Amino acid sequence: MGKDITQEEWASLIENDANAVILDVRSEEEVEDAHIPNMVNIDIRQGQGFLDEIEKLDKSKTYYVYCRSGARSAQACALMDQMGFSTTYNLIGGIMNWEGEVVE
């Protein structure tokens, strides 16, 4: 079940998670502005295209999902939960409030 987590929780969970995958669900343009390092980008606004790409992912991994503010990523987590992903985490506040490392 998708769970909303703070960036502090995100940082400590990810550090000890060998199965962690960081998923950015924003558009390519937004990603080019700034993103969290080592992420996979699948744009949720692509609708069916998003679902097709998500379906190819390993459902046993742990997904740390973010967007700009936390709204699209919450939606992505809900969809992924319905598709049978075992663990998804949504970053509260998105990259807008992110204080960790970013690639610009």
N, C-alpha and C. Protein backbone atom coordinates (compact mmCIF):
# COMPACT_ATOMS: atom_id res chain seq x y z
N MET A 1 0.85 -1.20 0.00
CA MET A 1 0.00 0.00 0.00
C MET A 1 0.88 1.25 0.00
N GLY A 2 0.58 2.19 -0.86
CA GLY A 2 1.35 3.43 -0.94
C GLY A 2 1.32 4.19 0.37
N LYS A 3 2.44 4.76 0.74
CA LYS A 3 2.54 5.45 2.01
C LYS A 3 3.21 6.80 1.78
N ASP A 4 2.64 7.86 2.35
CA ASP A 4 3.25 9.18 2.26
C ASP A 4 4.38 9.26 3.27
N ILE A 5 5.56 9.67 2.80
CA ILE A 5 6.69 9.79 3.73
C ILE A 5 7.36 11.15 3.58
N THR A 6 7.98 11.61 4.67
CA THR A 6 8.71 12.87 4.64
C THR A 6 10.06 12.63 3.97
N GLN A 7 10.75 13.72 3.62
CA GLN A 7 12.05 13.54 2.99
C GLN A 7 13.07 12.94 3.94
N GLU A 8 12.90 13.16 5.24
CA GLU A 8 13.79 12.55 6.23
C GLU A 8 13.61 11.03 6.22
N GLU A 9 12.33 10.60 6.21
CA GLU A 9 12.03 9.16 6.15
C GLU A 9 12.56 8.57 4.84
N TRP A 10 12.33 9.29 3.74
CA TRP A 10 12.78 8.89 2.40
C TRP A 10 14.29 8.62 2.43
N ALA A 11 15.05 9.60 2.94
CA ALA A 11 16.52 9.50 2.95
C ALA A 11 16.98 8.30 3.77
N SER A 12 16.39 8.09 4.95
CA SER A 12 16.86 6.99 5.79
C SER A 12 16.41 5.63 5.25
N LEU A 13 15.21 5.55 4.68
CA LEU A 13 14.73 4.28 4.11
C LEU A 13 15.56 3.88 2.90
N ILE A 14 15.79 4.83 2.01
CA ILE A 14 16.48 4.55 0.75
C ILE A 14 17.92 4.11 0.98
N GLU A 15 18.53 4.69 2.00
CA GLU A 15 19.93 4.40 2.32
C GLU A 15 20.12 2.91 2.64
N ASN A 16 19.11 2.31 3.24
CA ASN A 16 19.23 0.91 3.67
C ASN A 16 18.42 -0.05 2.82
N ASP A 17 18.02 0.39 1.64
CA ASP A 17 17.13 -0.42 0.80
C ASP A 17 17.83 -0.82 -0.50
N ALA A 18 18.25 -2.08 -0.57
CA ALA A 18 18.94 -2.58 -1.77
C ALA A 18 17.98 -2.69 -2.96
N ASN A 19 16.68 -2.70 -2.69
CA ASN A 19 15.67 -2.83 -3.75
C ASN A 19 15.05 -1.51 -4.15
N ALA A 20 15.65 -0.41 -3.74
CA ALA A 20 15.06 0.91 -3.99
C ALA A 20 15.14 1.33 -5.45
N VAL A 21 14.01 1.85 -5.95
CA VAL A 21 13.97 2.48 -7.27
C VAL A 21 13.32 3.84 -7.08
N ILE A 22 14.01 4.91 -7.50
CA ILE A 22 13.43 6.25 -7.41
C ILE A 22 12.71 6.54 -8.72
N LEU A 23 11.44 6.87 -8.62
CA LEU A 23 10.60 7.09 -9.80
C LEU A 23 10.10 8.54 -9.83
N ASP A 24 10.47 9.25 -10.90
CA ASP A 24 10.03 10.63 -11.10
C ASP A 24 8.89 10.58 -12.12
N VAL A 25 7.70 11.05 -11.74
CA VAL A 25 6.54 10.93 -12.64
C VAL A 25 6.19 12.26 -13.32
N ARG A 26 7.16 13.18 -13.34
CA ARG A 26 6.93 14.48 -13.99
C ARG A 26 7.25 14.40 -15.49
N SER A 27 7.01 15.53 -16.17
CA SER A 27 7.31 15.60 -17.61
C SER A 27 8.81 15.72 -17.82
N GLU A 28 9.24 15.43 -19.05
CA GLU A 28 10.66 15.52 -19.40
C GLU A 28 11.22 16.92 -19.17
N GLU A 29 10.42 17.94 -19.49
CA GLU A 29 10.85 19.33 -19.30
C GLU A 29 11.11 19.62 -17.82
N GLU A 30 10.21 19.14 -16.96
CA GLU A 30 10.39 19.36 -15.52
C GLU A 30 11.64 18.65 -15.02
N VAL A 31 11.87 17.45 -15.52
CA VAL A 31 13.03 16.66 -15.12
C VAL A 31 14.32 17.37 -15.51
N GLU A 32 14.32 18.01 -16.69
CA GLU A 32 15.51 18.73 -17.17
C GLU A 32 15.85 19.91 -16.26
N ASP A 33 14.84 20.52 -15.64
CA ASP A 33 15.09 21.64 -14.72
C ASP A 33 15.88 21.18 -13.51
N ALA A 34 15.43 20.13 -12.87
CA ALA A 34 16.11 19.56 -11.70
C ALA A 34 15.46 18.23 -11.35
N HIS A 35 16.29 17.28 -10.91
CA HIS A 35 15.75 15.99 -10.47
C HIS A 35 16.64 15.36 -9.41
N ILE A 36 16.08 14.41 -8.70
CA ILE A 36 16.83 13.65 -7.69
C ILE A 36 17.72 12.66 -8.45
N PRO A 37 18.98 12.52 -8.05
CA PRO A 37 19.91 11.63 -8.78
C PRO A 37 19.42 10.18 -8.87
N ASN A 38 19.84 9.51 -9.92
CA ASN A 38 19.60 8.06 -10.13
C ASN A 38 18.13 7.68 -10.18
N MET A 39 17.31 8.55 -10.75
CA MET A 39 15.88 8.24 -10.83
C MET A 39 15.54 7.65 -12.20
N VAL A 40 14.35 7.05 -12.26
CA VAL A 40 13.76 6.60 -13.52
C VAL A 40 12.61 7.56 -13.78
N ASN A 41 12.50 8.07 -15.01
CA ASN A 41 11.43 9.03 -15.31
C ASN A 41 10.37 8.38 -16.19
N ILE A 42 9.12 8.34 -15.66
CA ILE A 42 7.97 7.91 -16.46
C ILE A 42 6.86 8.94 -16.19
N ASP A 43 6.49 9.68 -17.23
CA ASP A 43 5.55 10.80 -17.09
C ASP A 43 4.11 10.29 -16.92
N ILE A 44 3.53 10.59 -15.76
CA ILE A 44 2.16 10.12 -15.48
C ILE A 44 1.14 10.76 -16.42
N ARG A 45 1.47 11.90 -17.00
CA ARG A 45 0.52 12.57 -17.90
C ARG A 45 0.38 11.85 -19.24
N GLN A 46 1.20 10.82 -19.46
CA GLN A 46 1.10 10.06 -20.71
C GLN A 46 -0.03 9.04 -20.68
N GLY A 47 -0.76 8.98 -19.57
CA GLY A 47 -1.92 8.09 -19.51
C GLY A 47 -1.58 6.64 -19.74
N GLN A 48 -2.08 6.08 -20.85
CA GLN A 48 -1.85 4.66 -21.15
C GLN A 48 -0.36 4.37 -21.33
N GLY A 49 0.36 5.31 -21.89
CA GLY A 49 1.81 5.15 -22.06
C GLY A 49 2.50 4.98 -20.72
N PHE A 50 2.03 5.72 -19.72
CA PHE A 50 2.55 5.60 -18.36
C PHE A 50 2.29 4.20 -17.82
N LEU A 51 1.04 3.74 -17.96
CA LEU A 51 0.68 2.41 -17.46
C LEU A 51 1.49 1.31 -18.15
N ASP A 52 1.70 1.46 -19.46
CA ASP A 52 2.49 0.47 -20.22
C ASP A 52 3.92 0.38 -19.70
N GLU A 53 4.53 1.55 -19.44
CA GLU A 53 5.91 1.57 -18.94
C GLU A 53 5.99 1.03 -17.51
N ILE A 54 5.01 1.40 -16.67
CA ILE A 54 4.98 0.93 -15.28
C ILE A 54 4.86 -0.59 -15.25
N GLU A 55 4.06 -1.13 -16.16
CA GLU A 55 3.83 -2.58 -16.23
C GLU A 55 5.14 -3.35 -16.46
N LYS A 56 6.13 -2.70 -17.09
CA LYS A 56 7.41 -3.36 -17.38
C LYS A 56 8.33 -3.41 -16.17
N LEU A 57 8.02 -2.64 -15.12
CA LEU A 57 8.89 -2.58 -13.94
C LEU A 57 8.77 -3.82 -13.07
N ASP A 58 9.80 -4.07 -12.28
CA ASP A 58 9.83 -5.20 -11.36
C ASP A 58 8.95 -4.88 -10.14
N LYS A 59 7.84 -5.60 -10.00
CA LYS A 59 6.88 -5.29 -8.93
C LYS A 59 7.37 -5.64 -7.53
N SER A 60 8.46 -6.42 -7.46
CA SER A 60 8.97 -6.80 -6.13
C SER A 60 9.91 -5.74 -5.55
N LYS A 61 10.32 -4.77 -6.36
CA LYS A 61 11.21 -3.72 -5.86
C LYS A 61 10.40 -2.70 -5.05
N THR A 62 11.11 -1.82 -4.33
CA THR A 62 10.48 -0.77 -3.55
C THR A 62 10.58 0.53 -4.32
N TYR A 63 9.45 1.19 -4.57
CA TYR A 63 9.43 2.39 -5.38
C TYR A 63 9.24 3.64 -4.53
N TYR A 64 10.16 4.57 -4.71
CA TYR A 64 10.12 5.86 -4.05
C TYR A 64 9.73 6.87 -5.14
N VAL A 65 8.50 7.37 -5.05
CA VAL A 65 7.90 8.12 -6.15
C VAL A 65 7.78 9.60 -5.78
N TYR A 66 8.16 10.46 -6.74
CA TYR A 66 8.00 11.89 -6.48
C TYR A 66 7.59 12.64 -7.73
N CYS A 67 7.05 13.85 -7.52
CA CYS A 67 6.71 14.76 -8.62
C CYS A 67 7.07 16.16 -8.16
N ARG A 68 6.34 17.17 -8.60
CA ARG A 68 6.66 18.54 -8.20
C ARG A 68 6.23 18.82 -6.76
N SER A 69 4.96 18.45 -6.46
CA SER A 69 4.41 18.82 -5.15
C SER A 69 3.91 17.63 -4.32
N GLY A 70 3.83 16.45 -4.93
CA GLY A 70 3.34 15.27 -4.20
C GLY A 70 1.98 14.78 -4.66
N ALA A 71 1.29 15.54 -5.53
CA ALA A 71 -0.05 15.15 -5.98
C ALA A 71 -0.01 14.06 -7.05
N ARG A 72 0.77 14.29 -8.11
CA ARG A 72 0.86 13.28 -9.18
C ARG A 72 1.50 11.99 -8.67
N SER A 73 2.47 12.13 -7.77
CA SER A 73 3.14 10.93 -7.26
C SER A 73 2.21 10.11 -6.37
N ALA A 74 1.32 10.78 -5.65
CA ALA A 74 0.32 10.06 -4.84
C ALA A 74 -0.60 9.26 -5.76
N GLN A 75 -0.98 9.89 -6.87
CA GLN A 75 -1.82 9.22 -7.87
C GLN A 75 -1.08 8.02 -8.47
N ALA A 76 0.21 8.21 -8.77
CA ALA A 76 1.02 7.13 -9.33
C ALA A 76 1.11 5.96 -8.36
N CYS A 77 1.31 6.26 -7.08
CA CYS A 77 1.39 5.20 -6.07
C CYS A 77 0.08 4.41 -6.01
N ALA A 78 -1.04 5.12 -6.07
CA ALA A 78 -2.35 4.45 -6.03
C ALA A 78 -2.51 3.53 -7.24
N LEU A 79 -2.12 4.00 -8.41
CA LEU A 79 -2.20 3.17 -9.63
C LEU A 79 -1.28 1.95 -9.51
N MET A 80 -0.07 2.17 -9.02
CA MET A 80 0.90 1.08 -8.89
C MET A 80 0.41 0.04 -7.88
N ASP A 81 -0.21 0.50 -6.81
CA ASP A 81 -0.77 -0.43 -5.82
C ASP A 81 -1.83 -1.31 -6.47
N GLN A 82 -2.69 -0.70 -7.30
CA GLN A 82 -3.74 -1.45 -8.00
C GLN A 82 -3.15 -2.46 -8.98
N MET A 83 -1.96 -2.13 -9.51
CA MET A 83 -1.30 -3.00 -10.49
C MET A 83 -0.48 -4.11 -9.83
N GLY A 84 -0.48 -4.15 -8.50
CA GLY A 84 0.18 -5.25 -7.81
C GLY A 84 1.59 -4.99 -7.32
N PHE A 85 2.01 -3.72 -7.30
CA PHE A 85 3.33 -3.41 -6.74
C PHE A 85 3.27 -3.57 -5.23
N SER A 86 4.30 -4.20 -4.66
CA SER A 86 4.22 -4.50 -3.23
C SER A 86 4.48 -3.29 -2.34
N THR A 87 5.44 -2.43 -2.70
CA THR A 87 5.74 -1.29 -1.83
C THR A 87 6.00 -0.02 -2.63
N THR A 88 5.19 1.00 -2.37
CA THR A 88 5.40 2.31 -2.99
C THR A 88 5.37 3.38 -1.90
N TYR A 89 6.26 4.35 -2.03
CA TYR A 89 6.30 5.48 -1.10
C TYR A 89 6.16 6.77 -1.88
N ASN A 90 5.34 7.68 -1.37
CA ASN A 90 5.14 8.97 -2.00
C ASN A 90 5.85 10.05 -1.19
N LEU A 91 6.68 10.86 -1.87
CA LEU A 91 7.41 11.94 -1.21
C LEU A 91 6.48 13.12 -0.95
N ILE A 92 6.20 13.40 0.31
CA ILE A 92 5.35 14.53 0.69
C ILE A 92 6.05 15.83 0.27
N GLY A 93 5.30 16.69 -0.43
CA GLY A 93 5.85 17.99 -0.81
C GLY A 93 6.66 17.98 -2.10
N GLY A 94 6.93 16.77 -2.62
CA GLY A 94 7.63 16.65 -3.90
C GLY A 94 8.99 17.33 -3.93
N ILE A 95 9.47 17.53 -5.14
CA ILE A 95 10.81 18.12 -5.31
C ILE A 95 10.81 19.60 -4.94
N MET A 96 9.62 20.21 -4.90
CA MET A 96 9.50 21.62 -4.51
C MET A 96 10.07 21.85 -3.10
N ASN A 97 9.83 20.89 -2.21
CA ASN A 97 10.29 21.02 -0.83
C ASN A 97 11.52 20.17 -0.53
N TRP A 98 12.08 19.54 -1.55
CA TRP A 98 13.22 18.63 -1.38
C TRP A 98 14.47 19.41 -0.99
N GLU A 99 15.14 18.96 0.05
CA GLU A 99 16.36 19.63 0.50
C GLU A 99 17.59 18.78 0.25
N GLY A 100 17.38 17.56 -0.29
CA GLY A 100 18.51 16.67 -0.57
C GLY A 100 19.20 17.05 -1.88
N GLU A 101 20.03 16.14 -2.34
CA GLU A 101 20.82 16.37 -3.56
C GLU A 101 19.91 16.41 -4.80
N VAL A 102 20.21 17.36 -5.71
CA VAL A 102 19.51 17.39 -6.99
C VAL A 102 20.51 17.54 -8.13
N VAL A 103 20.12 17.05 -9.29
CA VAL A 103 20.90 17.23 -10.51
C VAL A 103 20.18 18.30 -11.31
N GLU A 104 20.91 19.35 -11.72
CA GLU A 104 20.27 20.44 -12.49
C GLU A 104 20.81 20.48 -13.90
